[in-house]
Protein backbone atom coordinates (compact mmCIF):
# COMPACT_ATOMS: atom_id res chain seq x y z
CA LEU A 1 24.52 11.36 7.21
CA GLU A 2 21.10 11.76 8.79
CA CYS A 3 17.95 11.65 6.61
CA GLN A 4 14.45 12.50 7.64
CA PHE A 5 12.04 9.80 6.46
CA ALA A 6 8.31 10.13 6.15
CA PHE A 7 5.81 8.00 8.01
CA ASP A 8 2.05 7.79 7.64
CA ALA A 9 -0.52 8.25 10.43
CA ALA A 10 -0.31 4.56 11.32
CA GLY A 11 3.43 4.81 11.86
CA LYS A 12 4.37 2.90 8.67
CA LEU A 13 7.36 3.97 6.66
CA ASP A 14 6.33 5.98 3.54
CA TRP A 15 9.34 4.98 1.42
CA LEU A 16 8.04 6.72 -1.75
CA VAL A 17 8.81 10.16 -0.25
CA LEU A 18 12.36 11.44 -0.86
CA PRO A 19 14.08 11.88 2.54
CA THR A 20 15.43 15.31 3.49
CA ILE A 21 18.27 16.46 5.71
CA PRO A 22 16.81 17.88 8.94
CA GLU A 23 17.71 21.45 9.86
CA LYS A 24 19.49 22.18 13.07
CA HIS A 25 17.40 21.35 16.18
CA GLN A 26 14.72 19.90 13.91
CA TYR A 27 13.76 16.33 14.67
CA PRO A 28 12.16 13.90 12.21
CA GLN A 29 8.65 12.67 12.81
CA LEU A 30 9.24 9.00 13.78
CA PRO A 31 7.05 6.34 15.24
CA ALA A 32 7.24 5.89 19.01
CA LEU A 33 9.58 2.94 18.36
CA PHE A 34 12.36 5.31 17.31
CA ASP A 35 13.94 8.24 19.09
CA GLN A 36 16.46 9.15 16.38
CA PRO A 37 16.68 9.19 12.55
CA LEU A 38 16.91 5.79 10.94
CA SER A 39 20.28 4.45 10.02
CA ARG A 40 20.91 2.63 6.75
CA ALA A 41 20.45 -0.77 8.42
CA ASP A 42 17.17 0.25 10.08
CA PHE A 43 15.85 1.82 6.92
CA VAL A 44 16.61 -1.25 4.76
CA ALA A 45 15.33 -3.61 7.42
CA GLN A 46 12.08 -1.71 7.91
CA LEU A 47 11.55 -1.41 4.15
CA LYS A 48 12.26 -5.10 3.53
CA THR A 49 10.13 -6.33 6.40
CA TRP A 50 7.14 -4.05 5.77
CA ALA A 51 7.15 -4.43 1.96
CA SER A 52 7.44 -8.20 2.13
CA ALA A 53 4.61 -8.49 4.68
CA ARG A 54 2.43 -6.07 2.67
CA ALA A 55 3.05 -7.93 -0.58
CA GLU A 56 2.15 -11.26 1.02
CA GLU A 57 -0.98 -9.78 2.55
CA LEU A 58 -2.19 -8.31 -0.74
CA LYS A 59 -1.29 -11.49 -2.64
CA LEU A 60 -3.45 -13.57 -0.30
CA ARG A 61 -6.30 -11.06 -0.58
CA PHE A 62 -6.15 -11.15 -4.37
CA GLU A 63 -6.11 -14.99 -4.44
CA GLU A 64 -9.01 -15.13 -2.01
CA ARG A 65 -11.18 -12.78 -4.02
CA MET A 66 -10.29 -14.45 -7.28
CA ARG A 67 -11.34 -17.83 -5.86
CA VAL A 68 -14.58 -16.39 -4.51
CA VAL A 69 -15.47 -15.12 -8.00
CA ILE A 70 -14.81 -18.45 -9.69
CA HIS A 71 -16.28 -20.64 -6.92
CA ALA A 72 -19.44 -18.52 -6.65
CA HIS A 73 -20.14 -18.79 -10.40
CA VAL A 74 -19.38 -22.49 -10.49
CA ALA A 75 -21.70 -23.10 -7.55
CA ALA A 76 -24.44 -20.99 -9.11
CA THR A 77 -24.11 -23.02 -12.32
CA GLY A 78 -24.33 -26.26 -10.35
CA ILE A 79 -27.43 -25.10 -8.49
CA ALA A 80 -29.09 -23.94 -11.67
CA ALA A 81 -28.37 -27.30 -13.27
CA ALA A 82 -29.68 -29.05 -10.15
CA ALA A 83 -32.97 -27.11 -10.39
CA LEU A 84 -33.32 -28.05 -14.01
CA ALA A 85 -32.50 -31.71 -13.29
CA LEU A 86 -35.11 -31.87 -10.54
CA SER A 87 -37.76 -30.53 -12.81
CA TYR A 88 -36.77 -33.10 -15.39
CA ALA A 89 -36.58 -36.02 -12.95
CA MET A 90 -39.90 -35.21 -11.22
CA PRO A 91 -42.36 -34.27 -13.93
CA GLY A 92 -45.63 -32.68 -12.91
CA LYS A 93 -46.27 -29.78 -10.60
CA SER A 94 -46.08 -30.39 -6.91
CA LEU A 95 -45.89 -27.87 -4.12
CA THR A 96 -42.74 -29.47 -2.67
CA LEU A 97 -40.95 -29.43 -5.98
CA THR A 98 -41.92 -25.82 -6.66
CA VAL A 99 -40.64 -24.72 -3.22
CA VAL A 100 -37.33 -26.63 -3.62
CA VAL A 101 -36.69 -25.20 -7.09
CA ALA A 102 -37.53 -21.70 -5.88
CA VAL A 103 -35.08 -22.01 -2.99
CA LEU A 104 -32.39 -23.28 -5.33
CA LEU A 105 -32.97 -20.33 -7.68
CA VAL A 106 -32.75 -17.80 -4.77
CA ILE A 107 -29.44 -19.39 -3.68
CA GLU A 108 -28.22 -19.12 -7.26
CA LEU A 109 -29.11 -15.42 -7.34
CA ILE A 110 -27.23 -14.81 -4.10
CA LEU A 111 -24.13 -16.59 -5.40
CA LEU A 112 -24.27 -14.66 -8.71
CA GLY A 113 -24.52 -11.40 -6.74
CA LEU A 114 -21.62 -12.37 -4.49
CA GLY A 115 -19.47 -13.27 -7.49
CA TRP A 116 -20.32 -10.06 -9.33
CA ARG A 117 -19.69 -7.90 -6.35
CA THR A 118 -16.33 -9.54 -5.55
CA HIS A 119 -15.36 -9.21 -9.24
CA GLN A 120 -16.11 -5.48 -9.17
CA ARG A 121 -14.02 -4.99 -6.04
CA LEU A 122 -11.18 -6.97 -7.56
CA HIS A 123 -11.29 -5.00 -10.74
CA ASP A 124 -11.88 -1.50 -9.32
CA ASP A 125 -9.73 -1.31 -6.16
CA LYS A 126 -6.00 -0.60 -6.05
CA ASN A 127 -4.95 -3.75 -4.25
CA THR A 128 -3.38 -5.32 -7.34
CA ALA A 129 -1.35 -2.21 -7.99
CA ASP A 130 -0.33 -1.93 -4.36
CA TRP A 131 0.66 -5.62 -4.38
CA ALA A 132 2.93 -5.05 -7.36
CA THR A 133 4.50 -1.96 -5.78
CA ALA A 134 5.11 -3.64 -2.44
CA ARG A 135 6.68 -6.76 -4.05
CA LEU A 136 9.07 -4.61 -6.15
CA ALA A 137 9.98 -2.51 -3.10
CA ALA A 138 10.76 -5.71 -1.14
CA GLU A 139 13.00 -7.00 -3.89
CA VAL A 140 14.82 -3.65 -4.16
CA ALA A 141 15.45 -3.66 -0.42
CA ARG A 142 16.65 -7.26 -0.56
CA SER A 143 19.17 -6.33 -3.30
CA ALA A 144 20.39 -3.35 -1.29
CA HIS A 145 20.74 -5.44 1.83
CA THR A 146 22.87 -8.06 0.05
CA LEU A 147 25.58 -5.55 -0.85
CA GLY A 148 25.51 -3.72 2.46
CA PRO A 149 26.92 -4.31 5.93
CA GLY A 150 26.03 -7.50 7.76
CA ASN A 151 23.62 -5.86 10.18
CA ASP A 152 20.86 -8.40 9.61
CA LYS A 153 22.74 -11.01 11.63
CA ILE A 154 22.22 -14.14 9.53
CA LEU A 155 22.27 -17.08 11.88
CA VAL A 156 24.26 -20.26 11.33
CA ASP A 157 23.79 -22.94 14.06
CA GLY A 158 22.24 -20.28 16.26
CA LYS A 159 25.21 -17.92 16.01
CA PRO A 160 25.27 -14.65 14.03
CA THR A 161 27.64 -14.31 11.10
CA ASP A 162 28.94 -11.29 9.21
CA VAL A 163 28.14 -8.96 12.11
CA HIS A 164 31.38 -7.07 11.51
CA PHE A 165 31.32 -7.22 7.75
CA ALA A 166 31.55 -3.62 6.47
CA GLY A 167 29.68 -4.17 3.19
CA GLN A 168 30.62 -3.59 -0.47
CA HIS A 169 31.53 0.02 -1.31
CA THR A 170 30.04 0.24 -4.78
CA HIS A 171 27.08 2.05 -6.29
CA LEU A 172 23.78 0.08 -6.39
CA GLN A 173 24.03 0.25 -10.12
CA ALA A 174 21.22 -2.18 -10.91
CA LEU A 175 18.71 0.28 -9.41
CA PHE A 176 19.66 2.85 -12.05
CA ASP A 177 20.35 0.64 -15.09
CA LEU A 178 16.85 -0.86 -15.03
CA PRO A 179 13.71 1.06 -16.14
CA MET A 180 12.41 1.56 -12.65
CA PRO A 181 9.00 3.29 -12.17
CA GLU A 182 9.24 6.98 -11.48
CA ASP A 183 7.90 6.48 -7.95
CA PHE A 184 10.99 4.37 -7.17
CA ARG A 185 13.56 6.99 -8.19
CA ALA A 186 13.56 8.62 -4.77
CA LEU A 187 13.90 5.22 -3.05
CA ALA A 188 16.80 4.18 -5.33
CA ARG A 189 18.69 7.43 -4.65
CA THR A 190 18.05 7.16 -0.90
CA LEU A 191 19.26 3.56 -0.73
CA ASN A 192 22.37 4.39 -2.84
CA VAL A 193 23.40 7.33 -0.61
CA LEU A 194 22.83 5.40 2.60
CA HIS A 195 24.66 2.39 1.21
CA LEU A 196 27.76 4.41 0.14
CA GLU A 197 27.91 6.14 3.50
CA ALA A 198 27.54 2.92 5.48
CA THR A 199 30.19 1.05 3.44
CA LEU A 200 32.78 3.85 3.39
CA PRO A 201 35.12 2.00 5.79
CA ASN A 202 35.28 -0.93 3.38
CA LYS A 203 36.87 0.69 0.33
CA ALA A 204 39.91 -1.59 0.43
CA ALA A 205 38.12 -4.84 1.08
CA ASP A 206 39.46 -8.04 -0.54
CA TRP A 207 37.15 -8.61 -3.50
CA ARG A 208 37.47 -12.39 -3.10
CA LEU A 209 35.90 -12.15 0.38
CA LEU A 210 33.13 -10.04 -1.11
CA ARG A 211 32.64 -12.59 -3.91
CA ASP A 212 32.48 -15.53 -1.49
CA ARG A 213 30.01 -13.71 0.71
CA TYR A 214 27.80 -12.80 -2.28
CA VAL A 215 27.71 -16.36 -3.62
CA ARG A 216 27.08 -17.78 -0.19
CA GLU A 217 24.34 -15.42 1.05
CA ARG A 218 22.68 -14.16 -2.10
CA LEU A 219 22.71 -17.31 -4.14
CA ASP A 220 23.33 -20.49 -2.11
CA THR A 221 22.18 -20.34 1.49
CA THR A 222 19.26 -22.56 2.37
CA LEU A 223 18.46 -20.80 5.67
CA THR A 224 14.74 -20.26 6.09
CA ARG A 225 15.02 -16.63 7.13
CA ASN A 226 17.36 -15.46 4.39
CA ARG A 227 17.04 -18.12 1.72
CA GLY A 228 19.40 -17.76 -1.20
CA GLN A 229 17.91 -17.05 -4.62
CA ILE A 230 18.79 -20.45 -6.20
CA PRO A 231 17.03 -22.47 -3.46
CA TYR A 232 14.17 -20.01 -3.50
CA PHE A 233 13.56 -20.36 -7.25
CA GLU A 234 13.97 -24.15 -7.05
CA LYS A 235 11.22 -24.25 -4.39
CA GLU A 236 8.90 -21.84 -6.23
CA LEU A 237 9.45 -23.72 -9.53
CA ALA A 238 8.46 -27.00 -7.92
CA ILE A 239 5.32 -25.41 -6.45
CA ALA A 240 4.37 -23.83 -9.78
CA GLU A 241 4.93 -27.09 -11.68
CA ARG A 242 2.79 -29.05 -9.17
CA MET A 243 -0.04 -26.55 -9.51
CA VAL A 244 0.09 -26.51 -13.31
CA HIS A 245 0.18 -30.31 -13.56
CA GLY A 246 -2.59 -30.59 -11.00
CA ALA A 247 -4.75 -28.09 -12.97
CA HIS A 248 -4.19 -30.06 -16.19
CA ARG A 249 -5.07 -33.35 -14.49
CA ALA A 250 -8.22 -31.88 -12.95
CA PHE A 251 -9.19 -30.41 -16.31
CA ASN A 252 -8.87 -33.82 -17.97
CA VAL A 253 -10.89 -35.53 -15.24
CA PHE A 254 -13.75 -33.02 -15.45
CA VAL A 255 -13.82 -33.08 -19.25
CA GLY A 256 -13.75 -36.86 -19.18
CA ALA A 257 -16.67 -36.93 -16.74
CA ALA A 258 -18.68 -34.60 -18.99
CA VAL A 259 -17.97 -36.74 -22.04
CA ALA A 260 -18.89 -39.91 -20.20
CA ALA A 261 -22.18 -38.38 -18.90
CA THR A 262 -23.15 -37.17 -22.39
CA ALA A 263 -22.26 -40.53 -23.97
CA CYS A 264 -24.43 -42.36 -21.38
CA LYS A 265 -27.39 -40.15 -22.20
CA LEU A 266 -27.00 -41.14 -25.85
CA ILE A 267 -26.45 -44.86 -25.29
CA LEU A 268 -28.84 -45.73 -22.44
CA PRO A 269 -32.10 -44.97 -24.32
CA ALA A 270 -30.94 -47.22 -27.19
CA LEU A 271 -30.64 -50.04 -24.61
CA ALA A 272 -34.23 -49.41 -23.52
CA ILE A 273 -33.11 -48.35 -20.08
CA LYS A 274 -35.54 -46.04 -18.24
CA LEU A 275 -33.81 -42.73 -17.69
CA SER A 276 -35.80 -40.27 -15.54
CA PRO A 277 -33.69 -39.77 -12.30
CA LEU A 278 -30.55 -41.17 -13.96
CA ALA A 279 -30.96 -38.84 -16.93
CA ALA A 280 -31.36 -35.90 -14.59
CA THR A 281 -28.06 -36.79 -12.87
CA LEU A 282 -26.28 -37.25 -16.23
CA SER A 283 -27.63 -33.90 -17.44
CA TRP A 284 -26.32 -32.19 -14.31
CA LEU A 285 -22.88 -33.72 -14.82
CA ALA A 286 -22.84 -32.77 -18.49
CA ILE A 287 -23.52 -29.14 -17.56
CA VAL A 288 -21.38 -28.74 -14.45
CA MET A 289 -18.24 -30.71 -15.34
CA PRO A 290 -17.14 -28.45 -18.29
CA VAL A 291 -17.68 -25.44 -16.03
CA LEU A 292 -15.44 -27.00 -13.39
CA ALA A 293 -12.79 -27.75 -16.02
CA VAL A 294 -12.75 -24.14 -17.13
CA ALA A 295 -12.75 -22.90 -13.53
CA VAL A 296 -9.58 -24.96 -12.75
CA MET A 297 -7.76 -23.56 -15.71
CA SER A 298 -8.98 -20.04 -14.91
CA ILE A 299 -7.57 -20.25 -11.38
CA SER A 300 -4.23 -21.47 -12.72
CA ALA A 301 -4.19 -18.63 -15.31
CA ASN A 302 -5.06 -15.94 -12.76
CA LEU A 303 -2.32 -17.14 -10.45
CA ASP A 304 0.02 -16.91 -13.42
CA LYS A 305 1.62 -20.25 -12.51
CA ASP A 306 2.46 -21.44 -16.00
CA ALA A 307 4.28 -18.23 -16.98
CA ARG A 308 5.81 -17.89 -13.56
CA GLY A 309 7.11 -21.44 -13.71
CA SER A 310 8.89 -20.70 -17.00
CA THR A 311 10.36 -17.54 -15.49
CA PHE A 312 11.52 -19.35 -12.32
CA ARG A 313 13.29 -21.99 -14.44
CA ASP A 314 14.97 -19.32 -16.55
CA VAL A 315 16.23 -17.34 -13.55
CA LYS A 316 17.34 -20.42 -11.68
CA ASP A 317 19.34 -21.70 -14.66
CA PHE A 318 20.88 -18.21 -15.18
CA LEU A 319 21.96 -17.93 -11.54
CA GLU A 320 23.46 -21.45 -11.54
CA ARG A 321 25.56 -20.56 -14.60
CA ARG A 322 26.66 -17.25 -13.05
CA ARG A 323 27.57 -18.98 -9.80
CA ILE A 324 30.05 -21.12 -11.71
CA LEU A 325 31.54 -18.00 -13.39
CA LEU A 326 31.62 -16.07 -10.11
CA ASN A 327 33.54 -18.82 -8.35
CA ALA A 328 36.01 -18.93 -11.27
CA ALA A 329 36.43 -15.09 -11.51
CA GLU A 330 40.05 -14.03 -11.46
CA THR A 331 39.75 -10.20 -11.30
CA GLU A 332 37.61 -7.74 -9.37
CA PRO A 333 36.09 -6.10 -12.52
CA GLU A 334 35.01 -9.57 -13.66
CA PHE A 335 33.42 -10.27 -10.29
CA LEU A 336 31.60 -6.88 -10.25
CA ARG A 337 30.29 -7.44 -13.78
CA LEU A 338 28.95 -10.90 -12.97
CA GLN A 339 27.43 -9.65 -9.69
CA ALA A 340 25.70 -6.81 -11.52
CA GLU A 341 24.31 -9.27 -14.09
CA CYS A 342 22.84 -11.39 -11.23
CA GLU A 343 21.26 -8.40 -9.52
CA ILE A 344 19.85 -7.06 -12.81
CA LYS A 345 18.41 -10.48 -13.62
CA LEU A 346 16.77 -10.78 -10.25
CA LEU A 347 15.33 -7.29 -10.23
CA SER A 348 14.25 -7.44 -13.87
CA GLU A 349 12.20 -10.57 -13.16
CA THR A 350 10.30 -8.69 -10.47
CA LEU A 351 10.14 -5.56 -12.61
CA HIS A 352 8.53 -7.40 -15.55
CA TRP A 353 6.00 -8.93 -13.18
CA TYR A 354 5.40 -5.43 -11.69
CA TYR A 355 4.51 -3.87 -15.05
CA ARG A 356 2.31 -6.85 -15.91
CA ARG A 357 0.37 -6.64 -12.64
CA ARG A 358 0.57 -2.94 -11.90
CA PHE A 359 -1.36 -1.75 -14.96
CA ALA A 360 -3.59 -4.78 -15.70
CA ASN A 361 -6.28 -5.68 -13.21
CA PRO A 362 -7.88 -9.08 -13.83
CA ALA A 363 -10.88 -8.87 -16.18
């Protein structure tokens, strides 16, 4: 089977276009890197590599812009409070004070403009939707690769394994059982056809070998390049929990500082303590600290760490239970059912995230 795949002007694979069978003497338009139509291994490898890199690039861009919006507005609030505090701490009109306050207000305007502009770009462009699409495509390719031939040459102690493994000759059923976006139908059909053609020699494979390989490579392996899903979700869960706990601790610290500053402003005059510069500092803290507390929680919410942490824990626990059942499976139909449940669970986690991100830009 030879399929003609579409590439854009930059030579990147356009995997949303349904491939076609080239006519006789007609050659597909491929990047200079290729001189023949892509095989199943090359197609899946290109898709997985490009989609993963693209998803990571857009994720970092989203996080950078989101932080710019929040940091710019927090800084603008701090500068506005500083200008107010200076006026309070240095009563009377002096040229120096007027110039300093004017400079601070100009900086505040610049920061507000930067935050507004970045927010508009974050809200109006298609980066969030593209990020969701690329991440789902990467996970689809990863699932297809798991059940296919061992062309990716997973290394153990520097030596490739599974090079001669012919793959599992079954339909990629999870791609059709889940409510995939319409744009992914062509990709699912393409991957399924290429997978069945590539695994044709393996119709009579021992299902126990297939089961052992699936558990080892899809679920368990701790190799950096092709990390199994259980170690992956353990790692991501730990990161999410650290970020959520850190955000809550920072929130408590900032709120505590604001409460302490406000309490001091109430208590110190009763003790006949002269306030002027000290009162200005306390006023600044009372204004800025609550804003910082909200900013920390806003960053955590925009990165979706709390919800993602719950999802990571749920998927990890599910896969650990299925791993026990897979190792105990006594028949091939039981193995195939458990394997399909794992793939559907993994893809559905990404699919739910896709629909949440794809159609909901941050406000």
